[in-house]
Amino acid sequence: MSLLIGGMIIIVLIAIYFYKNYLLDLGDEMNSTELSKFNQSIQNISSKFD
C-alpha cells in the first residue's frame, strides 16, 4: 500500500514539474509577442510624426 502511495506522489511531482515548465514557456512567448506588438505600435506612431 505504501509503495502505491509513493508511486502516486512521484507521478504527481513529475506532472507538476512539467506543467510548471510549460506555463513558464507560455508566459515567455506571450511576453515577447506583446513586446513586439508594442514596439510595432510605437514605430507606427513615430512614422506619423516624421
PDB file of N, CA and C in Angstrom:
ATOM      1  N   MET A   1       0.829  -1.200   0.000  1.00  0.00           N
ATOM      2  CA  MET A   1       0.000   0.000   0.000  1.00  0.00           C
ATOM      3  C   MET A   1       0.869   1.258   0.000  1.00  0.00           C
ATOM      4  N   SER A   2       1.930   1.258   0.797  1.00  0.00           N
ATOM      5  CA  SER A   2       2.790   2.443   0.860  1.00  0.00           C
ATOM      6  C   SER A   2       3.541   2.650  -0.452  1.00  0.00           C
ATOM      7  N   LEU A   3       3.867   1.550  -1.169  1.00  0.00           N
ATOM      8  CA  LEU A   3       4.515   1.680  -2.468  1.00  0.00           C
ATOM      9  C   LEU A   3       3.578   2.329  -3.483  1.00  0.00           C
ATOM     10  N   LEU A   4       2.317   2.008  -3.425  1.00  0.00           N
ATOM     11  CA  LEU A   4       1.333   2.601  -4.326  1.00  0.00           C
ATOM     12  C   LEU A   4       1.200   4.096  -4.075  1.00  0.00           C
ATOM     13  N   ILE A   5       1.116   4.478  -2.823  1.00  0.00           N
ATOM     14  CA  ILE A   5       1.017   5.910  -2.475  1.00  0.00           C
ATOM     15  C   ILE A   5       2.300   6.636  -2.868  1.00  0.00           C
ATOM     16  N   GLY A   6       3.437   6.034  -2.623  1.00  0.00           N
ATOM     17  CA  GLY A   6       4.714   6.642  -3.007  1.00  0.00           C
ATOM     18  C   GLY A   6       4.819   6.825  -4.514  1.00  0.00           C
ATOM     19  N   GLY A   7       4.377   5.829  -5.282  1.00  0.00           N
ATOM     20  CA  GLY A   7       4.387   5.926  -6.735  1.00  0.00           C
ATOM     21  C   GLY A   7       3.476   7.028  -7.238  1.00  0.00           C
ATOM     22  N   MET A   8       2.313   7.160  -6.607  1.00  0.00           N
ATOM     23  CA  MET A   8       1.381   8.222  -6.996  1.00  0.00           C
ATOM     24  C   MET A   8       1.968   9.601  -6.704  1.00  0.00           C
ATOM     25  N   ILE A   9       2.641   9.720  -5.584  1.00  0.00           N
ATOM     26  CA  ILE A   9       3.264  11.004  -5.233  1.00  0.00           C
ATOM     27  C   ILE A   9       4.344  11.365  -6.237  1.00  0.00           C
ATOM     28  N   ILE A  10       5.135  10.396  -6.651  1.00  0.00           N
ATOM     29  CA  ILE A  10       6.195  10.652  -7.633  1.00  0.00           C
ATOM     30  C   ILE A  10       5.590  11.081  -8.967  1.00  0.00           C
ATOM     31  N   ILE A  11       4.521  10.417  -9.393  1.00  0.00           N
ATOM     32  CA  ILE A  11       3.864  10.781 -10.652  1.00  0.00           C
ATOM     33  C   ILE A  11       3.307  12.197 -10.578  1.00  0.00           C
ATOM     34  N   VAL A  12       2.706  12.552  -9.465  1.00  0.00           N
ATOM     35  CA  VAL A  12       2.161  13.906  -9.301  1.00  0.00           C
ATOM     36  C   VAL A  12       3.279  14.941  -9.312  1.00  0.00           C
ATOM     37  N   LEU A  13       4.395  14.662  -8.651  1.00  0.00           N
ATOM     38  CA  LEU A  13       5.512  15.606  -8.639  1.00  0.00           C
ATOM     39  C   LEU A  13       6.102  15.798 -10.035  1.00  0.00           C
ATOM     40  N   ILE A  14       6.222  14.727 -10.796  1.00  0.00           N
ATOM     41  CA  ILE A  14       6.729  14.834 -12.172  1.00  0.00           C
ATOM     42  C   ILE A  14       5.761  15.644 -13.029  1.00  0.00           C
ATOM     43  N   ALA A  15       4.465  15.410 -12.884  1.00  0.00           N
ATOM     44  CA  ALA A  15       3.463  16.162 -13.650  1.00  0.00           C
ATOM     45  C   ALA A  15       3.515  17.644 -13.302  1.00  0.00           C
ATOM     46  N   ILE A  16       3.666  17.977 -12.036  1.00  0.00           N
ATOM     47  CA  ILE A  16       3.764  19.379 -11.616  1.00  0.00           C
ATOM     48  C   ILE A  16       5.009  20.033 -12.211  1.00  0.00           C
ATOM     49  N   TYR A  17       6.108  19.313 -12.230  1.00  0.00           N
ATOM     50  CA  TYR A  17       7.357  19.849 -12.780  1.00  0.00           C
ATOM     51  C   TYR A  17       7.197  20.198 -14.260  1.00  0.00           C
ATOM     52  N   PHE A  18       6.633  19.269 -15.050  1.00  0.00           N
ATOM     53  CA  PHE A  18       6.458  19.530 -16.474  1.00  0.00           C
ATOM     54  C   PHE A  18       5.422  20.622 -16.722  1.00  0.00           C
ATOM     55  N   TYR A  19       4.378  20.661 -15.934  1.00  0.00           N
ATOM     56  CA  TYR A  19       3.345  21.685 -16.086  1.00  0.00           C
ATOM     57  C   TYR A  19       3.914  23.069 -15.766  1.00  0.00           C
ATOM     58  N   LYS A  20       4.780  23.140 -14.760  1.00  0.00           N
ATOM     59  CA  LYS A  20       5.407  24.413 -14.415  1.00  0.00           C
ATOM     60  C   LYS A  20       6.270  24.912 -15.569  1.00  0.00           C
ATOM     61  N   ASN A  21       7.060  24.013 -16.163  1.00  0.00           N
ATOM     62  CA  ASN A  21       7.893  24.397 -17.310  1.00  0.00           C
ATOM     63  C   ASN A  21       7.038  24.852 -18.483  1.00  0.00           C
ATOM     64  N   TYR A  22       5.910  24.178 -18.702  1.00  0.00           N
ATOM     65  CA  TYR A  22       5.007  24.558 -19.786  1.00  0.00           C
ATOM     66  C   TYR A  22       4.457  25.959 -19.551  1.00  0.00           C
ATOM     67  N   LEU A  23       4.045  26.259 -18.341  1.00  0.00           N
ATOM     68  CA  LEU A  23       3.486  27.581 -18.038  1.00  0.00           C
ATOM     69  C   LEU A  23       4.545  28.673 -18.156  1.00  0.00           C
ATOM     70  N   LEU A  24       5.770  28.387 -17.738  1.00  0.00           N
ATOM     71  CA  LEU A  24       6.831  29.385 -17.852  1.00  0.00           C
ATOM     72  C   LEU A  24       7.154  29.678 -19.312  1.00  0.00           C
ATOM     73  N   ASP A  25       7.213  28.653 -20.149  1.00  0.00           N
ATOM     74  CA  ASP A  25       7.485  28.841 -21.573  1.00  0.00           C
ATOM     75  C   ASP A  25       6.345  29.606 -22.238  1.00  0.00           C
ATOM     76  N   LEU A  26       5.134  29.319 -21.840  1.00  0.00           N
ATOM     77  CA  LEU A  26       3.982  30.011 -22.401  1.00  0.00           C
ATOM     78  C   LEU A  26       4.005  31.484 -22.020  1.00  0.00           C
ATOM     79  N   GLY A  27       4.385  31.778 -20.790  1.00  0.00           N
ATOM     80  CA  GLY A  27       4.489  33.162 -20.356  1.00  0.00           C
ATOM     81  C   GLY A  27       5.551  33.933 -21.114  1.00  0.00           C
ATOM     82  N   ASP A  28       6.693  33.295 -21.385  1.00  0.00           N
ATOM     83  CA  ASP A  28       7.743  33.949 -22.156  1.00  0.00           C
ATOM     84  C   ASP A  28       7.277  34.245 -23.571  1.00  0.00           C
ATOM     85  N   GLU A  29       6.548  33.308 -24.156  1.00  0.00           N
ATOM     86  CA  GLU A  29       6.056  33.505 -25.523  1.00  0.00           C
ATOM     87  C   GLU A  29       5.057  34.657 -25.568  1.00  0.00           C
ATOM     88  N   MET A  30       4.183  34.722 -24.579  1.00  0.00           N
ATOM     89  CA  MET A  30       3.193  35.800 -24.556  1.00  0.00           C
ATOM     90  C   MET A  30       3.871  37.147 -24.366  1.00  0.00           C
ATOM     91  N   ASN A  31       4.850  37.222 -23.501  1.00  0.00           N
ATOM     92  CA  ASN A  31       5.539  38.478 -23.245  1.00  0.00           C
ATOM     93  C   ASN A  31       6.271  38.969 -24.485  1.00  0.00           C
ATOM     94  N   SER A  32       6.916  38.086 -25.213  1.00  0.00           N
ATOM     95  CA  SER A  32       7.650  38.511 -26.401  1.00  0.00           C
ATOM     96  C   SER A  32       6.685  38.966 -27.485  1.00  0.00           C
ATOM     97  N   THR A  33       5.534  38.330 -27.594  1.00  0.00           N
ATOM     98  CA  THR A  33       4.529  38.741 -28.574  1.00  0.00           C
ATOM     99  C   THR A  33       3.978  40.111 -28.216  1.00  0.00           C
ATOM    100  N   GLU A  34       3.702  40.323 -26.943  1.00  0.00           N
ATOM    101  CA  GLU A  34       3.187  41.618 -26.509  1.00  0.00           C
ATOM    102  C   GLU A  34       4.217  42.720 -26.744  1.00  0.00           C
ATOM    103  N   LEU A  35       5.465  42.426 -26.479  1.00  0.00           N
ATOM    104  CA  LEU A  35       6.514  43.426 -26.677  1.00  0.00           C
ATOM    105  C   LEU A  35       6.683  43.771 -28.146  1.00  0.00           C
ATOM    106  N   SER A  36       6.605  42.776 -29.002  1.00  0.00           N
ATOM    107  CA  SER A  36       6.755  43.065 -30.428  1.00  0.00           C
ATOM    108  C   SER A  36       5.582  43.891 -30.945  1.00  0.00           C
ATOM    109  N   LYS A  37       4.379  43.621 -30.459  1.00  0.00           N
ATOM    110  CA  LYS A  37       3.216  44.429 -30.851  1.00  0.00           C
ATOM    111  C   LYS A  37       3.358  45.851 -30.339  1.00  0.00           C
ATOM    112  N   PHE A  38       3.855  45.993 -29.134  1.00  0.00           N
ATOM    113  CA  PHE A  38       4.052  47.327 -28.560  1.00  0.00           C
ATOM    114  C   PHE A  38       5.092  48.103 -29.360  1.00  0.00           C
ATOM    115  N   ASN A  39       6.195  47.456 -29.699  1.00  0.00           N
ATOM    116  CA  ASN A  39       7.235  48.116 -30.497  1.00  0.00           C
ATOM    117  C   ASN A  39       6.707  48.512 -31.865  1.00  0.00           C
ATOM    118  N   GLN A  40       5.883  47.671 -32.455  1.00  0.00           N
ATOM    119  CA  GLN A  40       5.312  47.984 -33.759  1.00  0.00           C
ATOM    120  C   GLN A  40       4.378  49.193 -33.665  1.00  0.00           C
ATOM    121  N   SER A  41       3.595  49.267 -32.615  1.00  0.00           N
ATOM    122  CA  SER A  41       2.698  50.411 -32.474  1.00  0.00           C
ATOM    123  C   SER A  41       3.467  51.694 -32.222  1.00  0.00           C
ATOM    124  N   ILE A  42       4.570  51.636 -31.500  1.00  0.00           N
ATOM    125  CA  ILE A  42       5.426  52.813 -31.286  1.00  0.00           C
ATOM    126  C   ILE A  42       6.013  53.258 -32.609  1.00  0.00           C
ATOM    127  N   GLN A  43       6.460  52.336 -33.428  1.00  0.00           N
ATOM    128  CA  GLN A  43       7.026  52.695 -34.728  1.00  0.00           C
ATOM    129  C   GLN A  43       5.975  53.301 -35.639  1.00  0.00           C
ATOM    130  N   ASN A  44       4.742  52.788 -35.577  1.00  0.00           N
ATOM    131  CA  ASN A  44       3.665  53.370 -36.388  1.00  0.00           C
ATOM    132  C   ASN A  44       3.373  54.806 -35.966  1.00  0.00           C
ATOM    133  N   ILE A  45       3.371  55.036 -34.676  1.00  0.00           N
ATOM    134  CA  ILE A  45       3.112  56.394 -34.177  1.00  0.00           C
ATOM    135  C   ILE A  45       4.252  57.333 -34.560  1.00  0.00           C
ATOM    136  N   SER A  46       5.476  56.867 -34.423  1.00  0.00           N
ATOM    137  CA  SER A  46       6.620  57.723 -34.739  1.00  0.00           C
ATOM    138  C   SER A  46       6.705  58.029 -36.245  1.00  0.00           C
ATOM    139  N   SER A  47       6.244  57.102 -37.086  1.00  0.00           N
ATOM    140  CA  SER A  47       6.282  57.352 -38.521  1.00  0.00           C
ATOM    141  C   SER A  47       5.293  58.455 -38.925  1.00  0.00           C
ATOM    142  N   LYS A  48       4.264  58.656 -38.152  1.00  0.00           N
ATOM    143  CA  LYS A  48       3.277  59.705 -38.449  1.00  0.00           C
ATOM    144  C   LYS A  48       3.823  61.098 -38.140  1.00  0.00           C
ATOM    145  N   PHE A  49       4.833  61.175 -37.277  1.00  0.00           N
ATOM    146  CA  PHE A  49       5.408  62.466 -36.897  1.00  0.00           C
ATOM    147  C   PHE A  49       6.629  62.831 -37.737  1.00  0.00           C
ATOM    148  N   ASP A  50       7.087  61.920 -38.582  1.00  0.00           N
ATOM    149  CA  ASP A  50       8.268  62.220 -39.417  1.00  0.00           C
ATOM    150  C   ASP A  50       7.935  63.052 -40.614  1.00  0.00           C
TER     151      ASP A  50
END
